[in-house]
Amino acid sequence: MLEWNLAATADYKPHTPGGCTTCLGALTIGTDYTRNVAYYIIAHASKFVRPGSVRIGSNQPGSLLNVAFKTSDGKKVLIVLNNGGNAQPFNIQYKGRQVTTELAPGAVGTYVW
């Protein structure tokens, strides 16, 4: 997922010509502000994917959306979203080793090694 606006008004402004006219930002700004789903997505990812990290891979096996990063201190971070309606088991493989795990429908898992 790519977040174009960190903040927008309740009527989805500003947006670029030809861009999404119904996309929420991470925050909706009015007389007060509301934290939207993107706020929590950005907050979660930024806890593990710190400045200097680089994306090293992603794929989409079925309903498991994912992205992997290498951090500046050499750790690997894998963030996986189960976008499906059922629990999904999957394997994480690295350098000849493997771990099997499962995500409930709608769940996000973050794995660091």
PDB file of N, CA and C in Angstrom:
ATOM      1  N   MET A   1       0.841  -1.165   0.000  1.00  0.00           N
ATOM      2  CA  MET A   1       0.000   0.000   0.000  1.00  0.00           C
ATOM      3  C   MET A   1       0.890   1.233   0.000  1.00  0.00           C
ATOM      4  N   LEU A   2       0.468   2.231  -0.738  1.00  0.00           N
ATOM      5  CA  LEU A   2       1.192   3.491  -0.794  1.00  0.00           C
ATOM      6  C   LEU A   2       0.265   4.581  -0.300  1.00  0.00           C
ATOM      7  N   GLU A   3       0.726   5.353   0.646  1.00  0.00           N
ATOM      8  CA  GLU A   3      -0.076   6.445   1.199  1.00  0.00           C
ATOM      9  C   GLU A   3       0.372   7.761   0.562  1.00  0.00           C
ATOM     10  N   TRP A   4      -0.492   8.340  -0.272  1.00  0.00           N
ATOM     11  CA  TRP A   4      -0.136   9.592  -0.936  1.00  0.00           C
ATOM     12  C   TRP A   4      -0.311  10.785  -0.017  1.00  0.00           C
ATOM     13  N   ASN A   5      -1.365  10.791   0.776  1.00  0.00           N
ATOM     14  CA  ASN A   5      -1.629  11.913   1.680  1.00  0.00           C
ATOM     15  C   ASN A   5      -1.463  11.470   3.120  1.00  0.00           C
ATOM     16  N   LEU A   6      -0.678  12.210   3.854  1.00  0.00           N
ATOM     17  CA  LEU A   6      -0.620  11.931   5.284  1.00  0.00           C
ATOM     18  C   LEU A   6      -1.831  12.518   5.980  1.00  0.00           C
ATOM     19  N   ALA A   7      -2.368  13.618   5.428  1.00  0.00           N
ATOM     20  CA  ALA A   7      -3.543  14.257   6.030  1.00  0.00           C
ATOM     21  C   ALA A   7      -4.438  14.786   4.927  1.00  0.00           C
ATOM     22  N   ALA A   8      -5.732  14.734   5.153  1.00  0.00           N
ATOM     23  CA  ALA A   8      -6.718  15.242   4.201  1.00  0.00           C
ATOM     24  C   ALA A   8      -7.909  15.776   4.984  1.00  0.00           C
ATOM     25  N   THR A   9      -8.736  16.556   4.310  1.00  0.00           N
ATOM     26  CA  THR A   9      -9.960  17.053   4.925  1.00  0.00           C
ATOM     27  C   THR A   9     -11.038  15.980   4.819  1.00  0.00           C
ATOM     28  N   ALA A  10     -12.155  16.207   5.465  1.00  0.00           N
ATOM     29  CA  ALA A  10     -13.251  15.232   5.435  1.00  0.00           C
ATOM     30  C   ALA A  10     -13.796  15.034   4.019  1.00  0.00           C
ATOM     31  N   ASP A  11     -13.586  16.009   3.128  1.00  0.00           N
ATOM     32  CA  ASP A  11     -14.030  15.846   1.740  1.00  0.00           C
ATOM     33  C   ASP A  11     -12.871  15.420   0.828  1.00  0.00           C
ATOM     34  N   TYR A  12     -11.869  14.743   1.414  1.00  0.00           N
ATOM     35  CA  TYR A  12     -10.765  14.079   0.709  1.00  0.00           C
ATOM     36  C   TYR A  12      -9.820  15.037  -0.016  1.00  0.00           C
ATOM     37  N   LYS A  13      -9.701  16.240   0.438  1.00  0.00           N
ATOM     38  CA  LYS A  13      -8.802  17.194  -0.218  1.00  0.00           C
ATOM     39  C   LYS A  13      -7.589  17.422   0.660  1.00  0.00           C
ATOM     40  N   PRO A  14      -6.439  17.718   0.120  1.00  0.00           N
ATOM     41  CA  PRO A  14      -6.175  17.922  -1.301  1.00  0.00           C
ATOM     42  C   PRO A  14      -5.919  16.594  -2.009  1.00  0.00           C
ATOM     43  N   HIS A  15      -6.081  16.594  -3.298  1.00  0.00           N
ATOM     44  CA  HIS A  15      -5.677  15.463  -4.130  1.00  0.00           C
ATOM     45  C   HIS A  15      -5.217  16.005  -5.475  1.00  0.00           C
ATOM     46  N   THR A  16      -4.388  15.238  -6.133  1.00  0.00           N
ATOM     47  CA  THR A  16      -3.845  15.682  -7.408  1.00  0.00           C
ATOM     48  C   THR A  16      -4.855  15.446  -8.515  1.00  0.00           C
ATOM     49  N   PRO A  17      -4.839  16.286  -9.567  1.00  0.00           N
ATOM     50  CA  PRO A  17      -5.745  16.074 -10.705  1.00  0.00           C
ATOM     51  C   PRO A  17      -5.549  14.664 -11.271  1.00  0.00           C
ATOM     52  N   GLY A  18      -6.647  13.965 -11.420  1.00  0.00           N
ATOM     53  CA  GLY A  18      -6.597  12.596 -11.924  1.00  0.00           C
ATOM     54  C   GLY A  18      -6.305  11.571 -10.847  1.00  0.00           C
ATOM     55  N   GLY A  19      -5.995  12.025  -9.629  1.00  0.00           N
ATOM     56  CA  GLY A  19      -5.707  11.112  -8.530  1.00  0.00           C
ATOM     57  C   GLY A  19      -6.980  10.658  -7.835  1.00  0.00           C
ATOM     58  N   CYS A  20      -6.817   9.931  -6.762  1.00  0.00           N
ATOM     59  CA  CYS A  20      -7.943   9.409  -6.004  1.00  0.00           C
ATOM     60  C   CYS A  20      -8.718  10.550  -5.353  1.00  0.00           C
ATOM     61  N   THR A  21     -10.005  10.594  -5.610  1.00  0.00           N
ATOM     62  CA  THR A  21     -10.853  11.653  -5.043  1.00  0.00           C
ATOM     63  C   THR A  21     -11.628  11.183  -3.818  1.00  0.00           C
ATOM     64  N   THR A  22     -11.422   9.914  -3.427  1.00  0.00           N
ATOM     65  CA  THR A  22     -12.126   9.383  -2.257  1.00  0.00           C
ATOM     66  C   THR A  22     -11.169   8.662  -1.306  1.00  0.00           C
ATOM     67  N   CYS A  23      -9.893   8.998  -1.358  1.00  0.00           N
ATOM     68  CA  CYS A  23      -8.892   8.341  -0.507  1.00  0.00           C
ATOM     69  C   CYS A  23      -8.678   9.140   0.774  1.00  0.00           C
ATOM     70  N   LEU A  24      -8.742   8.459   1.882  1.00  0.00           N
ATOM     71  CA  LEU A  24      -8.444   9.077   3.176  1.00  0.00           C
ATOM     72  C   LEU A  24      -6.942   9.192   3.355  1.00  0.00           C
ATOM     73  N   GLY A  25      -6.523  10.218   4.044  1.00  0.00           N
ATOM     74  CA  GLY A  25      -5.133  10.288   4.473  1.00  0.00           C
ATOM     75  C   GLY A  25      -4.983   9.516   5.769  1.00  0.00           C
ATOM     76  N   ALA A  26      -3.790   9.526   6.318  1.00  0.00           N
ATOM     77  CA  ALA A  26      -3.571   8.895   7.611  1.00  0.00           C
ATOM     78  C   ALA A  26      -4.384   9.618   8.690  1.00  0.00           C
ATOM     79  N   LEU A  27      -4.524  10.926   8.512  1.00  0.00           N
ATOM     80  CA  LEU A  27      -5.334  11.751   9.409  1.00  0.00           C
ATOM     81  C   LEU A  27      -6.382  12.498   8.594  1.00  0.00           C
ATOM     82  N   THR A  28      -7.569  12.639   9.163  1.00  0.00           N
ATOM     83  CA  THR A  28      -8.570  13.534   8.598  1.00  0.00           C
ATOM     84  C   THR A  28      -8.579  14.774   9.471  1.00  0.00           C
ATOM     85  N   ILE A  29      -8.352  15.925   8.840  1.00  0.00           N
ATOM     86  CA  ILE A  29      -8.220  17.189   9.547  1.00  0.00           C
ATOM     87  C   ILE A  29      -9.509  17.984   9.403  1.00  0.00           C
ATOM     88  N   GLY A  30     -10.019  18.477  10.523  1.00  0.00           N
ATOM     89  CA  GLY A  30     -11.173  19.372  10.562  1.00  0.00           C
ATOM     90  C   GLY A  30     -10.963  20.311  11.720  1.00  0.00           C
ATOM     91  N   THR A  31     -12.001  20.546  12.500  1.00  0.00           N
ATOM     92  CA  THR A  31     -11.804  21.335  13.718  1.00  0.00           C
ATOM     93  C   THR A  31     -10.966  20.550  14.709  1.00  0.00           C
ATOM     94  N   ASP A  32     -10.951  19.252  14.560  1.00  0.00           N
ATOM     95  CA  ASP A  32     -10.103  18.338  15.314  1.00  0.00           C
ATOM     96  C   ASP A  32      -9.480  17.400  14.281  1.00  0.00           C
ATOM     97  N   TYR A  33      -8.969  16.264  14.684  1.00  0.00           N
ATOM     98  CA  TYR A  33      -8.442  15.309  13.719  1.00  0.00           C
ATOM     99  C   TYR A  33      -8.877  13.907  14.105  1.00  0.00           C
ATOM    100  N   THR A  34      -8.930  13.048  13.095  1.00  0.00           N
ATOM    101  CA  THR A  34      -9.282  11.649  13.283  1.00  0.00           C
ATOM    102  C   THR A  34      -8.160  10.799  12.719  1.00  0.00           C
ATOM    103  N   ARG A  35      -7.731   9.813  13.470  1.00  0.00           N
ATOM    104  CA  ARG A  35      -6.734   8.864  12.978  1.00  0.00           C
ATOM    105  C   ARG A  35      -7.465   7.799  12.169  1.00  0.00           C
ATOM    106  N   ASN A  36      -7.019   7.587  10.951  1.00  0.00           N
ATOM    107  CA  ASN A  36      -7.605   6.583  10.068  1.00  0.00           C
ATOM    108  C   ASN A  36      -6.725   5.333  10.044  1.00  0.00           C
ATOM    109  N   VAL A  37      -7.176   4.291   9.362  1.00  0.00           N
ATOM    110  CA  VAL A  37      -6.439   3.027   9.304  1.00  0.00           C
ATOM    111  C   VAL A  37      -4.999   3.250   8.858  1.00  0.00           C
ATOM    112  N   ALA A  38      -4.784   4.103   7.867  1.00  0.00           N
ATOM    113  CA  ALA A  38      -3.430   4.342   7.357  1.00  0.00           C
ATOM    114  C   ALA A  38      -2.502   4.874   8.448  1.00  0.00           C
ATOM    115  N   TYR A  39      -3.020   5.609   9.394  1.00  0.00           N
ATOM    116  CA  TYR A  39      -2.214   6.122  10.500  1.00  0.00           C
ATOM    117  C   TYR A  39      -1.564   4.962  11.253  1.00  0.00           C
ATOM    118  N   TYR A  40      -2.359   3.952  11.553  1.00  0.00           N
ATOM    119  CA  TYR A  40      -1.869   2.808  12.307  1.00  0.00           C
ATOM    120  C   TYR A  40      -0.948   1.933  11.456  1.00  0.00           C
ATOM    121  N   ILE A  41      -1.212   1.862  10.149  1.00  0.00           N
ATOM    122  CA  ILE A  41      -0.328   1.116   9.241  1.00  0.00           C
ATOM    123  C   ILE A  41       1.051   1.764   9.229  1.00  0.00           C
ATOM    124  N   ILE A  42       1.081   3.073   9.052  1.00  0.00           N
ATOM    125  CA  ILE A  42       2.356   3.800   9.014  1.00  0.00           C
ATOM    126  C   ILE A  42       3.072   3.690  10.363  1.00  0.00           C
ATOM    127  N   ALA A  43       2.328   3.833  11.449  1.00  0.00           N
ATOM    128  CA  ALA A  43       2.927   3.743  12.789  1.00  0.00           C
ATOM    129  C   ALA A  43       3.538   2.368  13.018  1.00  0.00           C
ATOM    130  N   HIS A  44       2.821   1.317  12.639  1.00  0.00           N
ATOM    131  CA  HIS A  44       3.319  -0.037  12.843  1.00  0.00           C
ATOM    132  C   HIS A  44       4.576  -0.286  12.014  1.00  0.00           C
ATOM    133  N   ALA A  45       4.507   0.004  10.729  1.00  0.00           N
ATOM    134  CA  ALA A  45       5.647  -0.262   9.849  1.00  0.00           C
ATOM    135  C   ALA A  45       6.868   0.541  10.272  1.00  0.00           C
ATOM    136  N   SER A  46       6.673   1.801  10.656  1.00  0.00           N
ATOM    137  CA  SER A  46       7.825   2.642  10.990  1.00  0.00           C
ATOM    138  C   SER A  46       8.502   2.224  12.300  1.00  0.00           C
ATOM    139  N   LYS A  47       7.814   1.441  13.107  1.00  0.00           N
ATOM    140  CA  LYS A  47       8.444   0.920  14.332  1.00  0.00           C
ATOM    141  C   LYS A  47       9.540  -0.092  13.985  1.00  0.00           C
ATOM    142  N   PHE A  48       9.354  -0.830  12.904  1.00  0.00           N
ATOM    143  CA  PHE A  48      10.281  -1.891  12.523  1.00  0.00           C
ATOM    144  C   PHE A  48      11.152  -1.523  11.335  1.00  0.00           C
ATOM    145  N   VAL A  49      10.633  -0.733  10.420  1.00  0.00           N
ATOM    146  CA  VAL A  49      11.348  -0.339   9.209  1.00  0.00           C
ATOM    147  C   VAL A  49      11.840   1.090   9.411  1.00  0.00           C
ATOM    148  N   ARG A  50      13.032   1.191   9.963  1.00  0.00           N
ATOM    149  CA  ARG A  50      13.603   2.479  10.356  1.00  0.00           C
ATOM    150  C   ARG A  50      14.321   3.148   9.184  1.00  0.00           C
ATOM    151  N   PRO A  51      14.596   4.444   9.299  1.00  0.00           N
ATOM    152  CA  PRO A  51      15.330   5.138   8.232  1.00  0.00           C
ATOM    153  C   PRO A  51      16.619   4.391   7.877  1.00  0.00           C
ATOM    154  N   GLY A  52      16.903   4.338   6.585  1.00  0.00           N
ATOM    155  CA  GLY A  52      18.072   3.611   6.092  1.00  0.00           C
ATOM    156  C   GLY A  52      17.753   2.201   5.654  1.00  0.00           C
ATOM    157  N   SER A  53      16.549   1.711   5.942  1.00  0.00           N
ATOM    158  CA  SER A  53      16.144   0.373   5.506  1.00  0.00           C
ATOM    159  C   SER A  53      15.860   0.395   4.001  1.00  0.00           C
ATOM    160  N   VAL A  54      16.050  -0.772   3.370  1.00  0.00           N
ATOM    161  CA  VAL A  54      15.747  -0.904   1.947  1.00  0.00           C
ATOM    162  C   VAL A  54      14.846  -2.108   1.734  1.00  0.00           C
ATOM    163  N   ARG A  55      13.931  -1.963   0.776  1.00  0.00           N
ATOM    164  CA  ARG A  55      13.036  -3.086   0.441  1.00  0.00           C
ATOM    165  C   ARG A  55      13.850  -4.123  -0.309  1.00  0.00           C
ATOM    166  N   ILE A  56      13.748  -5.372   0.119  1.00  0.00           N
ATOM    167  CA  ILE A  56      14.508  -6.443  -0.521  1.00  0.00           C
ATOM    168  C   ILE A  56      13.612  -7.457  -1.213  1.00  0.00           C
ATOM    169  N   GLY A  57      12.311  -7.334  -1.065  1.00  0.00           N
ATOM    170  CA  GLY A  57      11.454  -8.274  -1.767  1.00  0.00           C
ATOM    171  C   GLY A  57      10.007  -8.158  -1.370  1.00  0.00           C
ATOM    172  N   SER A  58       9.157  -8.678  -2.239  1.00  0.00           N
ATOM    173  CA  SER A  58       7.734  -8.828  -1.946  1.00  0.00           C
ATOM    174  C   SER A  58       7.153  -9.736  -3.012  1.00  0.00           C
ATOM    175  N   ASN A  59       6.080 -10.394  -2.656  1.00  0.00           N
ATOM    176  CA  ASN A  59       5.346 -11.224  -3.607  1.00  0.00           C
ATOM    177  C   ASN A  59       3.923 -11.351  -3.094  1.00  0.00           C
ATOM    178  N   GLN A  60       3.093 -12.064  -3.820  1.00  0.00           N
ATOM    179  CA  GLN A  60       1.707 -12.199  -3.390  1.00  0.00           C
ATOM    180  C   GLN A  60       1.233 -13.628  -3.597  1.00  0.00           C
ATOM    181  N   PRO A  61       1.568 -14.522  -2.645  1.00  0.00           N
ATOM    182  CA  PRO A  61       1.057 -15.884  -2.749  1.00  0.00           C
ATOM    183  C   PRO A  61      -0.380 -15.948  -2.228  1.00  0.00           C
ATOM    184  N   GLY A  62      -1.331 -15.987  -3.116  1.00  0.00           N
ATOM    185  CA  GLY A  62      -2.742 -16.017  -2.702  1.00  0.00           C
ATOM    186  C   GLY A  62      -3.157 -14.715  -2.062  1.00  0.00           C
ATOM    187  N   SER A  63      -3.708 -14.789  -0.865  1.00  0.00           N
ATOM    188  CA  SER A  63      -4.217 -13.598  -0.184  1.00  0.00           C
ATOM    189  C   SER A  63      -3.223 -13.009   0.805  1.00  0.00           C
ATOM    190  N   LEU A  64      -1.972 -13.447   0.754  1.00  0.00           N
ATOM    191  CA  LEU A  64      -0.958 -12.957   1.689  1.00  0.00           C
ATOM    192  C   LEU A  64      -0.116 -11.855   1.039  1.00  0.00           C
ATOM    193  N   LEU A  65      -0.482 -10.610   1.304  1.00  0.00           N
ATOM    194  CA  LEU A  65       0.289  -9.476   0.811  1.00  0.00           C
ATOM    195  C   LEU A  65       1.483  -9.296   1.729  1.00  0.00           C
ATOM    196  N   ASN A  66       2.656  -9.032   1.173  1.00  0.00           N
ATOM    197  CA  ASN A  66       3.836  -8.954   2.021  1.00  0.00           C
ATOM    198  C   ASN A  66       4.914  -8.090   1.407  1.00  0.00           C
ATOM    199  N   VAL A  67       5.822  -7.653   2.264  1.00  0.00           N
ATOM    200  CA  VAL A  67       6.994  -6.903   1.838  1.00  0.00           C
ATOM    201  C   VAL A  67       8.102  -7.159   2.853  1.00  0.00           C
ATOM    202  N   ALA A  68       9.348  -7.261   2.338  1.00  0.00           N
ATOM    203  CA  ALA A  68      10.495  -7.527   3.202  1.00  0.00           C
ATOM    204  C   ALA A  68      11.507  -6.397   3.065  1.00  0.00           C
ATOM    205  N   PHE A  69      12.181  -6.095   4.169  1.00  0.00           N
ATOM    206  CA  PHE A  69      13.173  -5.028   4.218  1.00  0.00           C
ATOM    207  C   PHE A  69      14.439  -5.535   4.881  1.00  0.00           C
ATOM    208  N   LYS A  70      15.563  -4.907   4.542  1.00  0.00           N
ATOM    209  CA  LYS A  70      16.811  -5.078   5.276  1.00  0.00           C
ATOM    210  C   LYS A  70      17.081  -3.753   5.960  1.00  0.00           C
ATOM    211  N   THR A  71      17.242  -3.803   7.281  1.00  0.00           N
ATOM    212  CA  THR A  71      17.460  -2.575   8.040  1.00  0.00           C
ATOM    213  C   THR A  71      18.934  -2.174   7.968  1.00  0.00           C
ATOM    214  N   SER A  72      19.223  -0.962   8.382  1.00  0.00           N
ATOM    215  CA  SER A  72      20.598  -0.465   8.328  1.00  0.00           C
ATOM    216  C   SER A  72      21.534  -1.252   9.248  1.00  0.00           C
ATOM    217  N   ASP A  73      20.983  -1.950  10.252  1.00  0.00           N
ATOM    218  CA  ASP A  73      21.827  -2.774  11.126  1.00  0.00           C
ATOM    219  C   ASP A  73      21.841  -4.247  10.705  1.00  0.00           C
ATOM    220  N   GLY A  74      21.331  -4.533   9.487  1.00  0.00           N
ATOM    221  CA  GLY A  74      21.430  -5.877   8.922  1.00  0.00           C
ATOM    222  C   GLY A  74      20.290  -6.819   9.248  1.00  0.00           C
ATOM    223  N   LYS A  75      19.305  -6.401  10.033  1.00  0.00           N
ATOM    224  CA  LYS A  75      18.163  -7.267  10.340  1.00  0.00           C
ATOM    225  C   LYS A  75      17.236  -7.341   9.131  1.00  0.00           C
ATOM    226  N   LYS A  76      16.462  -8.416   9.068  1.00  0.00           N
ATOM    227  CA  LYS A  76      15.431  -8.573   8.042  1.00  0.00           C
ATOM    228  C   LYS A  76      14.084  -8.368   8.718  1.00  0.00           C
ATOM    229  N   VAL A  77      13.189  -7.660   8.039  1.00  0.00           N
ATOM    230  CA  VAL A  77      11.834  -7.408   8.542  1.00  0.00           C
ATOM    231  C   VAL A  77      10.858  -7.844   7.454  1.00  0.00           C
ATOM    232  N   LEU A  78       9.916  -8.689   7.806  1.00  0.00           N
ATOM    233  CA  LEU A  78       8.877  -9.145   6.891  1.00  0.00           C
ATOM    234  C   LEU A  78       7.527  -8.749   7.472  1.00  0.00           C
ATOM    235  N   ILE A  79       6.744  -8.009   6.698  1.00  0.00           N
ATOM    236  CA  ILE A  79       5.391  -7.623   7.119  1.00  0.00           C
ATOM    237  C   ILE A  79       4.421  -8.324   6.180  1.00  0.00           C
ATOM    238  N   VAL A  80       3.467  -9.070   6.764  1.00  0.00           N
ATOM    239  CA  VAL A  80       2.531  -9.876   5.985  1.00  0.00           C
ATOM    240  C   VAL A  80       1.108  -9.530   6.411  1.00  0.00           C
ATOM    241  N   LEU A  81       0.229  -9.336   5.431  1.00  0.00           N
ATOM    242  CA  LEU A  81      -1.197  -9.095   5.664  1.00  0.00           C
ATOM    243  C   LEU A  81      -1.981 -10.232   5.043  1.00  0.00           C
ATOM    244  N   ASN A  82      -2.860 -10.861   5.830  1.00  0.00           N
ATOM    245  CA  ASN A  82      -3.779 -11.860   5.288  1.00  0.00           C
ATOM    246  C   ASN A  82      -5.029 -11.123   4.828  1.00  0.00           C
ATOM    247  N   ASN A  83      -5.131 -10.897   3.544  1.00  0.00           N
ATOM    248  CA  ASN A  83      -6.236 -10.151   2.944  1.00  0.00           C
ATOM    249  C   ASN A  83      -7.423 -11.060   2.621  1.00  0.00           C
ATOM    250  N   GLY A  84      -7.352 -12.310   3.007  1.00  0.00           N
ATOM    251  CA  GLY A  84      -8.400 -13.268   2.688  1.00  0.00           C
ATOM    252  C   GLY A  84      -9.404 -13.454   3.811  1.00  0.00           C
ATOM    253  N   GLY A  85     -10.352 -14.328   3.573  1.00  0.00           N
ATOM    254  CA  GLY A  85     -11.413 -14.587   4.532  1.00  0.00           C
ATOM    255  C   GLY A  85     -11.177 -15.787   5.427  1.00  0.00           C
ATOM    256  N   ASN A  86     -10.038 -16.466   5.255  1.00  0.00           N
ATOM    257  CA  ASN A  86      -9.721 -17.653   6.053  1.00  0.00           C
ATOM    258  C   ASN A  86      -8.310 -17.539   6.607  1.00  0.00           C
ATOM    259  N   ALA A  87      -8.053 -18.282   7.679  1.00  0.00           N
ATOM    260  CA  ALA A  87      -6.694 -18.358   8.218  1.00  0.00           C
ATOM    261  C   ALA A  87      -5.773 -18.932   7.144  1.00  0.00           C
ATOM    262  N   GLN A  88      -4.559 -18.396   7.059  1.00  0.00           N
ATOM    263  CA  GLN A  88      -3.617 -18.828   6.033  1.00  0.00           C
ATOM    264  C   GLN A  88      -2.289 -19.239   6.659  1.00  0.00           C
ATOM    265  N   PRO A  89      -1.928 -20.510   6.545  1.00  0.00           N
ATOM    266  CA  PRO A  89      -0.591 -20.924   6.973  1.00  0.00           C
ATOM    267  C   PRO A  89       0.408 -20.561   5.872  1.00  0.00           C
ATOM    268  N   PHE A  90       1.649 -20.294   6.263  1.00  0.00           N
ATOM    269  CA  PHE A  90       2.695 -20.022   5.278  1.00  0.00           C
ATOM    270  C   PHE A  90       4.058 -20.271   5.900  1.00  0.00           C
ATOM    271  N   ASN A  91       5.054 -20.385   5.044  1.00  0.00           N
ATOM    272  CA  ASN A  91       6.429 -20.625   5.471  1.00  0.00           C
ATOM    273  C   ASN A  91       7.258 -19.374   5.220  1.00  0.00           C
ATOM    274  N   ILE A  92       8.201 -19.123   6.106  1.00  0.00           N
ATOM    275  CA  ILE A  92       9.212 -18.096   5.908  1.00  0.00           C
ATOM    276  C   ILE A  92      10.535 -18.844   5.792  1.00  0.00           C
ATOM    277  N   GLN A  93      11.213 -18.679   4.662  1.00  0.00           N
ATOM    278  CA  GLN A  93      12.466 -19.379   4.420  1.00  0.00           C
ATOM    279  C   GLN A  93      13.602 -18.374   4.291  1.00  0.00           C
ATOM    280  N   TYR A  94      14.736 -18.713   4.911  1.00  0.00           N
ATOM    281  CA  TYR A  94      15.916 -17.858   4.817  1.00  0.00           C
ATOM    282  C   TYR A  94      17.153 -18.689   5.061  1.00  0.00           C
ATOM    283  N   LYS A  95      18.077 -18.653   4.114  1.00  0.00           N
ATOM    284  CA  LYS A  95      19.357 -19.356   4.219  1.00  0.00           C
ATOM    285  C   LYS A  95      19.203 -20.810   4.654  1.00  0.00           C
ATOM    286  N   GLY A  96      18.319 -21.523   3.971  1.00  0.00           N
ATOM    287  CA  GLY A  96      18.158 -22.942   4.233  1.00  0.00           C
ATOM    288  C   GLY A  96      17.354 -23.298   5.470  1.00  0.00           C
ATOM    289  N   ARG A  97      16.877 -22.306   6.195  1.00  0.00           N
ATOM    290  CA  ARG A  97      16.052 -22.563   7.384  1.00  0.00           C
ATOM    291  C   ARG A  97      14.631 -22.130   7.084  1.00  0.00           C
ATOM    292  N   GLN A  98      13.693 -22.706   7.823  1.00  0.00           N
ATOM    293  CA  GLN A  98      12.290 -22.427   7.564  1.00  0.00           C
ATOM    294  C   GLN A  98      11.495 -22.418   8.860  1.00  0.00           C
ATOM    295  N   VAL A  99      10.519 -21.527   8.931  1.00  0.00           N
ATOM    296  CA  VAL A  99       9.566 -21.508  10.028  1.00  0.00           C
ATOM    297  C   VAL A  99       8.176 -21.478   9.411  1.00  0.00           C
ATOM    298  N   THR A 100       7.242 -22.188  10.017  1.00  0.00           N
ATOM    299  CA  THR A 100       5.858 -22.195   9.553  1.00  0.00           C
ATOM    300  C   THR A 100       5.015 -21.426  10.555  1.00  0.00           C
ATOM    301  N   THR A 101       4.163 -20.562  10.044  1.00  0.00           N
ATOM    302  CA  THR A 101       3.280 -19.768  10.893  1.00  0.00           C
ATOM    303  C   THR A 101       1.929 -19.618  10.196  1.00  0.00           C
ATOM    304  N   GLU A 102       1.010 -18.921  10.832  1.00  0.00           N
ATOM    305  CA  GLU A 102      -0.336 -18.765  10.280  1.00  0.00           C
ATOM    306  C   GLU A 102      -0.879 -17.405  10.694  1.00  0.00           C
ATOM    307  N   LEU A 103      -1.644 -16.792   9.792  1.00  0.00           N
ATOM    308  CA  LEU A 103      -2.312 -15.527  10.102  1.00  0.00           C
ATOM    309  C   LEU A 103      -3.820 -15.691   9.969  1.00  0.00           C
ATOM    310  N   ALA A 104      -4.539 -15.164  10.939  1.00  0.00           N
ATOM    311  CA  ALA A 104      -6.000 -15.146  10.890  1.00  0.00           C
ATOM    312  C   ALA A 104      -6.448 -14.197   9.779  1.00  0.00           C
ATOM    313  N   PRO A 105      -7.696 -14.319   9.319  1.00  0.00           N
ATOM    314  CA  PRO A 105      -8.176 -13.407   8.283  1.00  0.00           C
ATOM    315  C   PRO A 105      -8.108 -11.957   8.761  1.00  0.00           C
ATOM    316  N   GLY A 106      -7.556 -11.079   7.917  1.00  0.00           N
ATOM    317  CA  GLY A 106      -7.449  -9.664   8.254  1.00  0.00           C
ATOM    318  C   GLY A 106      -6.283  -9.316   9.164  1.00  0.00           C
ATOM    319  N   ALA A 107      -5.520 -10.321   9.598  1.00  0.00           N
ATOM    320  CA  ALA A 107      -4.420 -10.071  10.536  1.00  0.00           C
ATOM    321  C   ALA A 107      -3.152  -9.638   9.807  1.00  0.00           C
ATOM    322  N   VAL A 108      -2.307  -8.928  10.545  1.00  0.00           N
ATOM    323  CA  VAL A 108      -0.988  -8.532  10.075  1.00  0.00           C
ATOM    324  C   VAL A 108       0.043  -9.161  10.993  1.00  0.00           C
ATOM    325  N   GLY A 109       1.096  -9.705  10.399  1.00  0.00           N
ATOM    326  CA  GLY A 109       2.199 -10.255  11.177  1.00  0.00           C
ATOM    327  C   GLY A 109       3.491  -9.569  10.780  1.00  0.00           C
ATOM    328  N   THR A 110       4.317  -9.271  11.761  1.00  0.00           N
ATOM    329  CA  THR A 110       5.632  -8.678  11.504  1.00  0.00           C
ATOM    330  C   THR A 110       6.679  -9.607  12.090  1.00  0.00           C
ATOM    331  N   TYR A 111       7.646  -9.986  11.270  1.00  0.00           N
ATOM    332  CA  TYR A 111       8.663 -10.958  11.643  1.00  0.00           C
ATOM    333  C   TYR A 111      10.023 -10.300  11.473  1.00  0.00           C
ATOM    334  N   VAL A 112      10.861 -10.404  12.499  1.00  0.00           N
ATOM    335  CA  VAL A 112      12.181  -9.780  12.482  1.00  0.00           C
ATOM    336  C   VAL A 112      13.214 -10.830  12.833  1.00  0.00           C
ATOM    337  N   TRP A 113      14.294 -10.898  12.058  1.00  0.00           N
ATOM    338  CA  TRP A 113      15.407 -11.780  12.379  1.00  0.00           C
ATOM    339  C   TRP A 113      16.707 -11.161  11.931  1.00  0.00           C
TER     340      TRP A 113
END
